[in-house]
Amino acid sequence: TRRWATWRPSWTGARTNFGLTRRWTCWRTGWRWRSTGTWARPR
């Protein structure tokens, strides 16, 4: 479900699989969602 985020660049407002617009960063501790998303992956 979040495999596409592995090769996706860090955009401002990337479209998630659920069809929502959130901004996440794919650099630093792997990749973590930078918004009030439902789930976030710390490190």
N, C-alpha and C. Protein backbone atom coordinates (compact mmCIF):
# COMPACT_ATOMS: atom_id res chain seq x y z
N THR A 1 0.85 -1.21 0.00
CA THR A 1 0.00 0.00 0.00
C THR A 1 0.87 1.25 0.00
N ARG A 2 1.96 1.24 0.74
CA ARG A 2 2.84 2.43 0.75
C ARG A 2 4.16 2.10 0.05
N ARG A 3 4.12 1.18 -0.89
CA ARG A 3 5.35 0.84 -1.63
C ARG A 3 5.66 1.96 -2.63
N TRP A 4 4.63 2.59 -3.13
CA TRP A 4 4.84 3.65 -4.12
C TRP A 4 5.60 4.82 -3.51
N ALA A 5 5.54 4.94 -2.19
CA ALA A 5 6.21 6.07 -1.52
C ALA A 5 7.71 5.83 -1.47
N THR A 6 8.12 4.62 -1.76
CA THR A 6 9.56 4.31 -1.68
C THR A 6 10.30 4.98 -2.82
N TRP A 7 9.74 4.93 -4.01
CA TRP A 7 10.43 5.52 -5.15
C TRP A 7 9.89 6.90 -5.49
N ARG A 8 8.90 7.35 -4.74
CA ARG A 8 8.33 8.68 -5.02
C ARG A 8 9.17 9.76 -4.35
N PRO A 9 9.42 10.85 -5.01
CA PRO A 9 10.20 11.96 -4.46
C PRO A 9 9.42 12.73 -3.39
N SER A 10 10.12 13.58 -2.69
CA SER A 10 9.44 14.34 -1.63
C SER A 10 8.72 15.55 -2.24
N TRP A 11 7.43 15.44 -2.36
CA TRP A 11 6.65 16.54 -2.92
C TRP A 11 5.85 17.24 -1.85
N THR A 12 5.36 18.41 -2.16
CA THR A 12 4.54 19.14 -1.18
C THR A 12 3.07 18.94 -1.48
N GLY A 13 2.51 17.90 -0.90
CA GLY A 13 1.09 17.63 -1.15
C GLY A 13 0.95 16.42 -2.06
N ALA A 14 1.67 15.38 -1.73
CA ALA A 14 1.61 14.17 -2.56
C ALA A 14 0.25 13.47 -2.37
N ARG A 15 -0.21 12.83 -3.42
CA ARG A 15 -1.52 12.18 -3.33
C ARG A 15 -1.35 10.77 -2.75
N THR A 16 -2.02 10.49 -1.68
CA THR A 16 -1.89 9.17 -1.05
C THR A 16 -2.79 8.16 -1.75
N ASN A 17 -2.68 6.92 -1.38
CA ASN A 17 -3.50 5.88 -1.99
C ASN A 17 -4.97 6.07 -1.65
N PHE A 18 -5.23 6.79 -0.57
CA PHE A 18 -6.62 7.00 -0.15
C PHE A 18 -7.26 8.14 -0.92
N GLY A 19 -6.44 8.87 -1.70
CA GLY A 19 -7.00 9.95 -2.50
C GLY A 19 -6.96 11.27 -1.74
N LEU A 20 -6.10 11.36 -0.75
CA LEU A 20 -6.02 12.62 0.03
C LEU A 20 -4.74 13.37 -0.34
N THR A 21 -4.73 14.63 -0.02
CA THR A 21 -3.53 15.42 -0.35
C THR A 21 -2.75 15.74 0.92
N ARG A 22 -1.60 15.15 1.05
CA ARG A 22 -0.77 15.46 2.23
C ARG A 22 0.66 15.70 1.77
N ARG A 23 1.45 16.33 2.59
CA ARG A 23 2.84 16.58 2.23
C ARG A 23 3.75 15.68 3.06
N TRP A 24 4.62 14.97 2.42
CA TRP A 24 5.51 14.06 3.14
C TRP A 24 6.93 14.22 2.61
N THR A 25 7.89 13.77 3.40
CA THR A 25 9.29 13.91 3.00
C THR A 25 9.93 12.53 2.90
N CYS A 26 10.54 12.26 1.78
CA CYS A 26 11.17 10.95 1.58
C CYS A 26 12.67 11.05 1.81
N TRP A 27 13.04 11.83 2.78
CA TRP A 27 14.47 11.96 3.08
C TRP A 27 14.67 12.29 4.54
N ARG A 28 15.65 11.74 5.18
CA ARG A 28 15.95 11.93 6.62
C ARG A 28 15.91 10.56 7.25
N THR A 29 14.92 10.21 7.99
CA THR A 29 14.87 8.87 8.60
C THR A 29 13.97 8.00 7.73
N GLY A 30 14.44 7.73 6.50
CA GLY A 30 13.61 6.93 5.59
C GLY A 30 12.58 7.84 4.94
N TRP A 31 11.35 7.77 5.40
CA TRP A 31 10.32 8.66 4.87
C TRP A 31 9.18 8.76 5.86
N ARG A 32 8.79 9.95 6.19
CA ARG A 32 7.74 10.13 7.20
C ARG A 32 6.71 11.15 6.72
N TRP A 33 5.47 10.94 6.97
CA TRP A 33 4.42 11.87 6.52
C TRP A 33 4.48 13.15 7.33
N ARG A 34 4.48 14.30 6.65
CA ARG A 34 4.56 15.57 7.40
C ARG A 34 3.19 16.24 7.40
N SER A 35 2.21 15.57 7.95
CA SER A 35 0.86 16.14 7.99
C SER A 35 0.03 15.41 9.04
N THR A 36 -1.19 15.83 9.22
CA THR A 36 -2.04 15.18 10.22
C THR A 36 -2.66 13.93 9.60
N GLY A 37 -1.81 13.10 9.02
CA GLY A 37 -2.29 11.87 8.39
C GLY A 37 -2.77 10.87 9.43
N THR A 38 -3.30 9.77 8.93
CA THR A 38 -3.81 8.77 9.87
C THR A 38 -2.67 7.95 10.44
N TRP A 39 -1.65 7.72 9.63
CA TRP A 39 -0.52 6.92 10.13
C TRP A 39 0.79 7.56 9.71
N ALA A 40 1.79 7.43 10.56
CA ALA A 40 3.11 7.99 10.24
C ALA A 40 4.19 6.97 10.58
N ARG A 41 5.25 6.95 9.79
CA ARG A 41 6.30 5.96 10.06
C ARG A 41 7.53 6.64 10.64
N PRO A 42 7.74 6.58 11.94
CA PRO A 42 8.92 7.18 12.58
C PRO A 42 10.16 6.31 12.39
N ARG A 43 11.17 6.81 11.73
CA ARG A 43 12.38 6.05 11.48
C ARG A 43 12.07 4.76 10.75
